């Protein structure tokens, strides 16, 4: 059995189980959740977010992150504050709003429901079959 997540290889006894496009679609759908989780850890600069995501399945680039942060701000889930930097110009540091914290709680709950549902579907017996 082989599961090498970072190189996108998923196989079981030599059978390819998950296509790269399927993996990308799943990651893309969960990226907003992942970014909210990182921002939920405290005040973070965009480079900090990229660094935290880099070693995960949610590794992304500035060209993806900045539009997502703008969307999250428009949706009222994050705010930013300008802070002076010793290394150059001022930086935007992102924080969750109260609505953002509620969104994470809702996403956490929904994720648990989805996980339970998939586990239950995988265990169900007595499927209806036509004879």
Protein backbone atom coordinates (compact mmCIF):
# COMPACT_ATOMS: atom_id res chain seq x y z
CA UNK A 1 0.00 0.00 0.00
CA UNK A 2 1.47 3.40 -1.01
CA UNK A 3 0.34 6.85 0.14
CA UNK A 4 2.92 9.52 -0.66
CA UNK A 5 0.85 12.66 -0.29
CA UNK A 6 3.45 15.30 -1.20
CA UNK A 7 4.27 13.64 -4.53
CA UNK A 8 0.59 13.01 -5.26
CA UNK A 9 0.94 9.23 -5.54
CA UNK A 10 -1.94 7.21 -4.19
CA UNK A 11 -1.95 3.55 -4.98
CA UNK A 12 -3.00 0.27 -3.52
CA UNK A 13 -1.33 -2.79 -4.97
CA UNK A 14 -0.27 -0.86 -8.05
CA UNK A 15 -3.72 0.55 -8.83
CA UNK A 16 -3.99 4.32 -9.24
CA UNK A 17 -6.79 5.47 -7.00
CA UNK A 18 -6.99 9.27 -7.12
CA UNK A 19 -6.22 11.51 -10.07
CA UNK A 20 -4.19 14.68 -9.72
CA UNK A 21 -7.19 16.73 -10.90
CA UNK A 22 -9.32 15.16 -8.15
CA UNK A 23 -6.69 16.02 -5.56
CA UNK A 24 -6.43 19.60 -6.84
CA UNK A 25 -10.21 20.03 -6.70
CA UNK A 26 -10.33 18.82 -3.10
CA UNK A 27 -7.44 21.06 -2.04
CA UNK A 28 -8.91 24.06 -3.84
CA UNK A 29 -12.22 23.54 -2.07
CA UNK A 30 -10.51 23.38 1.32
CA UNK A 31 -7.91 26.15 0.88
CA UNK A 32 -10.14 28.84 2.35
CA UNK A 33 -10.72 26.67 5.43
CA UNK A 34 -6.96 26.07 5.75
CA UNK A 35 -6.16 29.78 5.47
CA UNK A 36 -8.79 30.64 8.08
CA UNK A 37 -7.24 28.02 10.38
CA UNK A 38 -3.80 29.64 10.02
CA UNK A 39 -5.14 33.17 10.55
CA UNK A 40 -7.07 31.84 13.53
CA UNK A 41 -3.77 31.08 15.28
CA UNK A 42 -3.10 34.81 15.72
CA UNK A 43 -2.04 37.92 13.85
CA UNK A 44 -0.16 36.76 10.74
CA UNK A 45 1.57 38.31 7.77
CA UNK A 46 0.88 36.82 4.32
CA UNK A 47 4.39 35.36 4.16
CA UNK A 48 3.70 33.61 7.48
CA UNK A 49 0.56 32.07 6.00
CA UNK A 50 2.47 30.88 2.93
CA UNK A 51 5.18 29.42 5.16
CA UNK A 52 2.66 27.53 7.32
CA UNK A 53 0.94 26.11 4.23
CA UNK A 54 4.21 25.28 2.43
CA UNK A 55 4.81 21.93 4.14
CA UNK A 56 1.19 20.80 3.74
CA UNK A 57 -1.15 19.71 0.98
CA UNK A 58 -2.30 23.34 0.89
CA UNK A 59 0.97 24.82 -0.34
CA UNK A 60 0.11 27.81 -2.53
CA UNK A 61 1.56 30.97 -4.03
CA UNK A 62 1.06 34.69 -3.45
CA UNK A 63 -1.02 34.91 -6.62
CA UNK A 64 -3.57 32.59 -5.03
CA UNK A 65 -3.30 33.75 -1.43
CA UNK A 66 -3.75 37.51 -1.87
CA UNK A 67 -7.04 37.27 -3.80
CA UNK A 68 -8.30 34.78 -1.22
CA UNK A 69 -7.36 37.13 1.65
CA UNK A 70 -9.16 39.96 -0.16
CA UNK A 71 -12.27 37.78 -0.49
CA UNK A 72 -12.12 36.81 3.18
CA UNK A 73 -11.84 40.51 4.08
CA UNK A 74 -14.81 41.45 1.86
CA UNK A 75 -16.80 38.62 3.47
CA UNK A 76 -16.02 40.10 6.89
CA UNK A 77 -14.06 37.05 8.07
CA UNK A 78 -10.64 38.73 8.43
CA UNK A 79 -9.31 42.21 8.99
CA UNK A 80 -5.79 43.51 8.69
CA UNK A 81 -3.65 46.07 10.47
CA UNK A 82 -0.59 47.76 9.07
CA UNK A 83 2.48 47.22 11.23
CA UNK A 84 5.94 48.66 10.83
CA UNK A 85 8.62 46.17 9.83
CA UNK A 86 12.31 46.22 10.68
CA UNK A 87 12.97 44.56 7.32
CA UNK A 88 11.32 47.10 5.04
CA UNK A 89 7.98 48.75 4.43
CA UNK A 90 4.97 48.28 6.72
CA UNK A 91 3.18 44.94 6.45
CA UNK A 92 -0.44 43.85 6.61
CA UNK A 93 -1.09 41.50 9.49
CA UNK A 94 -4.33 39.54 9.25
CA UNK A 95 -6.62 38.55 12.12
CA UNK A 96 -9.96 36.83 12.33
CA UNK A 97 -13.08 38.81 13.07
CA UNK A 98 -15.80 37.49 15.36
CA UNK A 99 -17.59 36.36 12.21
CA UNK A 100 -14.39 34.61 11.08
CA UNK A 101 -14.20 32.70 14.36
CA UNK A 102 -17.84 31.68 13.96
CA UNK A 103 -17.09 30.59 10.39
CA UNK A 104 -14.22 28.36 11.57
CA UNK A 105 -16.47 26.81 14.23
CA UNK A 106 -19.14 26.15 11.58
CA UNK A 107 -16.57 24.68 9.17
CA UNK A 108 -15.11 22.48 11.92
CA UNK A 109 -18.58 21.15 12.71
CA UNK A 110 -19.45 20.65 9.05
CA UNK A 111 -16.14 18.82 8.47
CA UNK A 112 -16.96 16.44 11.35
CA UNK A 113 -20.41 15.80 9.87
CA UNK A 114 -18.94 15.09 6.43
CA UNK A 115 -16.32 12.78 7.93
CA UNK A 116 -18.93 10.90 9.97
CA UNK A 117 -21.20 10.63 6.94
CA UNK A 118 -18.45 9.20 4.74
CA UNK A 119 -17.41 6.75 7.45
CA UNK A 120 -21.02 5.68 7.94
CA UNK A 121 -21.57 5.25 4.21
CA UNK A 122 -18.49 3.04 4.07
CA UNK A 123 -19.85 0.81 6.85
CA UNK A 124 -23.49 0.55 5.87
CA UNK A 125 -24.82 -2.86 5.04
CA UNK A 126 -28.16 -3.88 3.68
CA UNK A 127 -27.81 -1.99 0.43
CA UNK A 128 -30.80 -2.26 -1.85
CA UNK A 129 -30.01 -4.38 -4.88
CA UNK A 130 -32.21 -5.47 -7.72
CA UNK A 131 -32.50 -9.16 -8.39
